[in-house]
Every structure is written in C-alpha cells, then in structure tokens.
Amino acid sequence: MTISDIMHKQLHNLIMANATRRAAGIKARNTIIAKHGSNYYARIGRKGGSQTDTRPKGFEADRALARIAGAKGGRNSH
C-alpha cells in the first residue's frame, strides 16, 4: 500500500465520519421538533436572549481575580 493509498483511505474515512455526524444531527433535530413542536428552537433562543439578571458574574465581577487566574494559567501553559 502506497502513501497515496493510505492518504486516500484516511480522507475517505473522514468524509464518511462527517456524513454520519451530519445525518445523526439531522435525525436528532427532527426528533426534537416532533417531541417539542416546530417552534422549539425559537423558544429556547428567546429564553437565552432575554437575560433577566444583569448583575456581573464570574470574572466580570472581579477583575483582580481574573488577572490572577490568567497569570496562573499562563505560567502553567509553558
């Protein structure tokens, strides 16, 4: 088996895996729509877009803590 044959086989496997994932995603979407109605994605999008609690959370609430955590992450990544 040549390198070209190996590369062709790997590419074929990648294409087939992507096609399988896409088909599975479409099947899941159809199942969700059948169970929850055709406006399911609009409903969850509306919930996500309508933020009710506007207080800062996480690192937004404590910039000093964010700086310390970022420094630690930077040191550990090298």
N, C-alpha and C. Protein backbone atom coordinates (compact mmCIF):
# COMPACT_ATOMS: atom_id res chain seq x y z
N MET A 1 0.85 -1.17 0.00
CA MET A 1 0.00 0.00 0.00
C MET A 1 0.90 1.24 0.00
N THR A 2 0.66 2.15 -0.90
CA THR A 2 1.48 3.35 -1.01
C THR A 2 0.96 4.44 -0.08
N ILE A 3 1.76 5.47 0.08
CA ILE A 3 1.36 6.60 0.91
C ILE A 3 0.09 7.24 0.35
N SER A 4 0.02 7.33 -0.97
CA SER A 4 -1.16 7.90 -1.62
C SER A 4 -2.42 7.10 -1.29
N ASP A 5 -2.29 5.78 -1.28
CA ASP A 5 -3.44 4.92 -0.94
C ASP A 5 -3.87 5.14 0.51
N ILE A 6 -2.89 5.25 1.40
CA ILE A 6 -3.19 5.47 2.83
C ILE A 6 -3.89 6.81 3.01
N MET A 7 -3.37 7.86 2.37
CA MET A 7 -3.98 9.18 2.49
C MET A 7 -5.40 9.19 1.92
N HIS A 8 -5.58 8.48 0.81
CA HIS A 8 -6.91 8.40 0.20
C HIS A 8 -7.89 7.71 1.15
N LYS A 9 -7.45 6.64 1.79
CA LYS A 9 -8.30 5.90 2.72
C LYS A 9 -8.65 6.77 3.93
N GLN A 10 -7.65 7.51 4.46
CA GLN A 10 -7.91 8.37 5.60
C GLN A 10 -8.90 9.47 5.24
N LEU A 11 -8.76 10.06 4.06
CA LEU A 11 -9.67 11.09 3.61
C LEU A 11 -11.08 10.52 3.46
N HIS A 12 -11.18 9.35 2.89
CA HIS A 12 -12.49 8.69 2.73
C HIS A 12 -13.14 8.46 4.09
N ASN A 13 -12.36 7.97 5.06
CA ASN A 13 -12.90 7.74 6.41
C ASN A 13 -13.37 9.03 7.05
N LEU A 14 -12.62 10.11 6.86
CA LEU A 14 -13.00 11.41 7.41
C LEU A 14 -14.31 11.90 6.79
N ILE A 15 -14.43 11.79 5.49
CA ILE A 15 -15.66 12.21 4.80
C ILE A 15 -16.85 11.40 5.28
N MET A 16 -16.68 10.10 5.43
CA MET A 16 -17.78 9.24 5.87
C MET A 16 -18.17 9.57 7.31
N ALA A 17 -17.19 9.86 8.17
CA ALA A 17 -17.49 10.19 9.56
C ALA A 17 -18.28 11.49 9.62
N ASN A 18 -17.89 12.49 8.81
CA ASN A 18 -18.61 13.75 8.80
C ASN A 18 -20.03 13.57 8.30
N ALA A 19 -20.21 12.74 7.29
CA ALA A 19 -21.55 12.48 6.77
C ALA A 19 -22.41 11.79 7.81
N THR A 20 -21.83 10.89 8.57
CA THR A 20 -22.56 10.18 9.62
C THR A 20 -22.98 11.14 10.73
N ARG A 21 -22.06 12.03 11.14
CA ARG A 21 -22.40 13.01 12.18
C ARG A 21 -23.49 13.95 11.71
N ARG A 22 -23.43 14.38 10.45
CA ARG A 22 -24.45 15.28 9.92
C ARG A 22 -25.80 14.58 9.89
N ALA A 23 -25.84 13.34 9.45
CA ALA A 23 -27.10 12.59 9.41
C ALA A 23 -27.66 12.41 10.82
N ALA A 24 -26.78 12.15 11.78
CA ALA A 24 -27.23 11.98 13.16
C ALA A 24 -27.80 13.29 13.70
N GLY A 25 -27.16 14.40 13.36
CA GLY A 25 -27.64 15.71 13.80
C GLY A 25 -29.00 16.04 13.22
N ILE A 26 -29.20 15.73 11.96
CA ILE A 26 -30.50 15.97 11.31
C ILE A 26 -31.57 15.10 11.94
N LYS A 27 -31.22 13.85 12.24
CA LYS A 27 -32.19 12.95 12.87
C LYS A 27 -32.56 13.47 14.26
N ALA A 28 -31.58 13.95 15.02
CA ALA A 28 -31.85 14.50 16.36
C ALA A 28 -32.74 15.73 16.26
N ARG A 29 -32.44 16.62 15.30
CA ARG A 29 -33.27 17.81 15.12
C ARG A 29 -34.71 17.43 14.82
N ASN A 30 -34.91 16.47 13.94
CA ASN A 30 -36.26 16.04 13.59
C ASN A 30 -36.99 15.44 14.79
N THR A 31 -36.27 14.69 15.61
CA THR A 31 -36.87 14.11 16.82
C THR A 31 -37.29 15.21 17.80
N ILE A 32 -36.42 16.20 17.99
CA ILE A 32 -36.73 17.31 18.90
C ILE A 32 -37.96 18.06 18.41
N ILE A 33 -38.03 18.34 17.12
CA ILE A 33 -39.18 19.05 16.57
C ILE A 33 -40.45 18.23 16.72
N ALA A 34 -40.35 16.91 16.53
CA ALA A 34 -41.53 16.06 16.68
C ALA A 34 -42.02 16.04 18.13
N LYS A 35 -41.08 16.04 19.09
CA LYS A 35 -41.47 15.97 20.50
C LYS A 35 -41.94 17.32 21.04
N HIS A 36 -41.26 18.41 20.65
CA HIS A 36 -41.47 19.69 21.31
C HIS A 36 -42.13 20.75 20.42
N GLY A 37 -42.37 20.43 19.18
CA GLY A 37 -43.03 21.38 18.29
C GLY A 37 -42.04 22.13 17.40
N SER A 38 -42.57 22.71 16.33
CA SER A 38 -41.71 23.34 15.33
C SER A 38 -41.10 24.65 15.82
N ASN A 39 -41.62 25.23 16.88
CA ASN A 39 -41.05 26.48 17.38
C ASN A 39 -40.10 26.27 18.56
N TYR A 40 -39.62 25.06 18.75
CA TYR A 40 -38.75 24.73 19.88
C TYR A 40 -37.50 25.60 19.89
N TYR A 41 -36.81 25.69 18.76
CA TYR A 41 -35.56 26.44 18.72
C TYR A 41 -35.82 27.93 18.92
N ALA A 42 -36.95 28.44 18.44
CA ALA A 42 -37.30 29.84 18.67
C ALA A 42 -37.53 30.10 20.15
N ARG A 43 -38.19 29.16 20.84
CA ARG A 43 -38.46 29.33 22.27
C ARG A 43 -37.18 29.35 23.09
N ILE A 44 -36.27 28.41 22.82
CA ILE A 44 -35.04 28.39 23.61
C ILE A 44 -34.15 29.57 23.26
N GLY A 45 -34.21 30.03 22.02
CA GLY A 45 -33.45 31.21 21.64
C GLY A 45 -33.97 32.46 22.33
N ARG A 46 -35.27 32.55 22.49
CA ARG A 46 -35.88 33.69 23.17
C ARG A 46 -35.45 33.70 24.63
N LYS A 47 -35.42 32.52 25.26
CA LYS A 47 -35.01 32.44 26.66
C LYS A 47 -33.56 32.87 26.82
N GLY A 48 -32.71 32.43 25.92
CA GLY A 48 -31.31 32.80 26.00
C GLY A 48 -31.07 34.27 25.74
N GLY A 49 -31.89 34.85 24.88
CA GLY A 49 -31.70 36.25 24.53
C GLY A 49 -32.31 37.22 25.50
N SER A 50 -33.17 36.75 26.38
CA SER A 50 -33.81 37.65 27.32
C SER A 50 -33.21 37.46 28.71
N GLN A 51 -32.09 38.09 28.93
CA GLN A 51 -31.39 37.96 30.20
C GLN A 51 -32.11 38.82 31.24
N THR A 52 -32.45 38.24 32.37
CA THR A 52 -33.18 38.98 33.38
C THR A 52 -32.26 39.47 34.50
N ASP A 53 -31.24 38.74 34.80
CA ASP A 53 -30.32 39.12 35.88
C ASP A 53 -29.13 39.82 35.25
N THR A 54 -29.00 41.11 35.46
CA THR A 54 -27.95 41.88 34.80
C THR A 54 -26.73 42.13 35.69
N ARG A 55 -26.70 41.51 36.87
CA ARG A 55 -25.53 41.67 37.74
C ARG A 55 -24.31 41.00 37.10
N PRO A 56 -23.13 41.59 37.28
CA PRO A 56 -21.92 40.95 36.75
C PRO A 56 -21.67 39.60 37.43
N LYS A 57 -21.21 38.66 36.65
CA LYS A 57 -20.95 37.31 37.17
C LYS A 57 -19.55 36.88 36.79
N GLY A 58 -19.03 35.93 37.52
CA GLY A 58 -17.74 35.35 37.20
C GLY A 58 -16.61 36.36 37.23
N PHE A 59 -15.71 36.28 36.24
CA PHE A 59 -14.56 37.17 36.21
C PHE A 59 -14.96 38.61 35.91
N GLU A 60 -16.13 38.80 35.31
CA GLU A 60 -16.59 40.16 35.06
C GLU A 60 -16.80 40.91 36.39
N ALA A 61 -17.19 40.18 37.43
CA ALA A 61 -17.45 40.79 38.73
C ALA A 61 -16.17 41.08 39.50
N ASP A 62 -15.09 40.37 39.20
CA ASP A 62 -13.84 40.54 39.96
C ASP A 62 -12.66 40.53 39.01
N ARG A 63 -12.29 41.71 38.51
CA ARG A 63 -11.20 41.81 37.53
C ARG A 63 -9.85 41.38 38.13
N ALA A 64 -9.64 41.66 39.40
CA ALA A 64 -8.37 41.28 40.03
C ALA A 64 -8.23 39.76 40.06
N LEU A 65 -9.31 39.07 40.38
CA LEU A 65 -9.30 37.61 40.40
C LEU A 65 -9.04 37.06 38.99
N ALA A 66 -9.63 37.69 37.99
CA ALA A 66 -9.41 37.27 36.61
C ALA A 66 -7.95 37.40 36.23
N ARG A 67 -7.32 38.50 36.65
CA ARG A 67 -5.91 38.72 36.34
C ARG A 67 -5.04 37.65 36.99
N ILE A 68 -5.32 37.31 38.24
CA ILE A 68 -4.55 36.29 38.96
C ILE A 68 -4.73 34.92 38.28
N ALA A 69 -5.96 34.58 37.94
CA ALA A 69 -6.22 33.29 37.30
C ALA A 69 -5.55 33.22 35.93
N GLY A 70 -5.58 34.31 35.18
CA GLY A 70 -4.93 34.34 33.87
C GLY A 70 -3.43 34.17 33.99
N ALA A 71 -2.85 34.78 35.00
CA ALA A 71 -1.40 34.64 35.21
C ALA A 71 -1.04 33.20 35.56
N LYS A 72 -1.86 32.58 36.40
CA LYS A 72 -1.61 31.17 36.76
C LYS A 72 -1.71 30.28 35.53
N GLY A 73 -2.74 30.50 34.73
CA GLY A 73 -2.90 29.70 33.51
C GLY A 73 -1.74 29.89 32.55
N GLY A 74 -1.27 31.14 32.43
CA GLY A 74 -0.13 31.41 31.57
C GLY A 74 1.13 30.73 32.03
N ARG A 75 1.35 30.74 33.34
CA ARG A 75 2.55 30.06 33.88
C ARG A 75 2.45 28.55 33.67
N ASN A 76 1.28 27.99 33.84
CA ASN A 76 1.13 26.54 33.73
C ASN A 76 1.15 26.05 32.29
N SER A 77 0.92 26.95 31.33
CA SER A 77 0.87 26.50 29.93
C SER A 77 2.25 26.46 29.28
N HIS A 78 3.27 26.92 29.99
CA HIS A 78 4.62 26.94 29.39
C HIS A 78 5.49 25.89 29.97
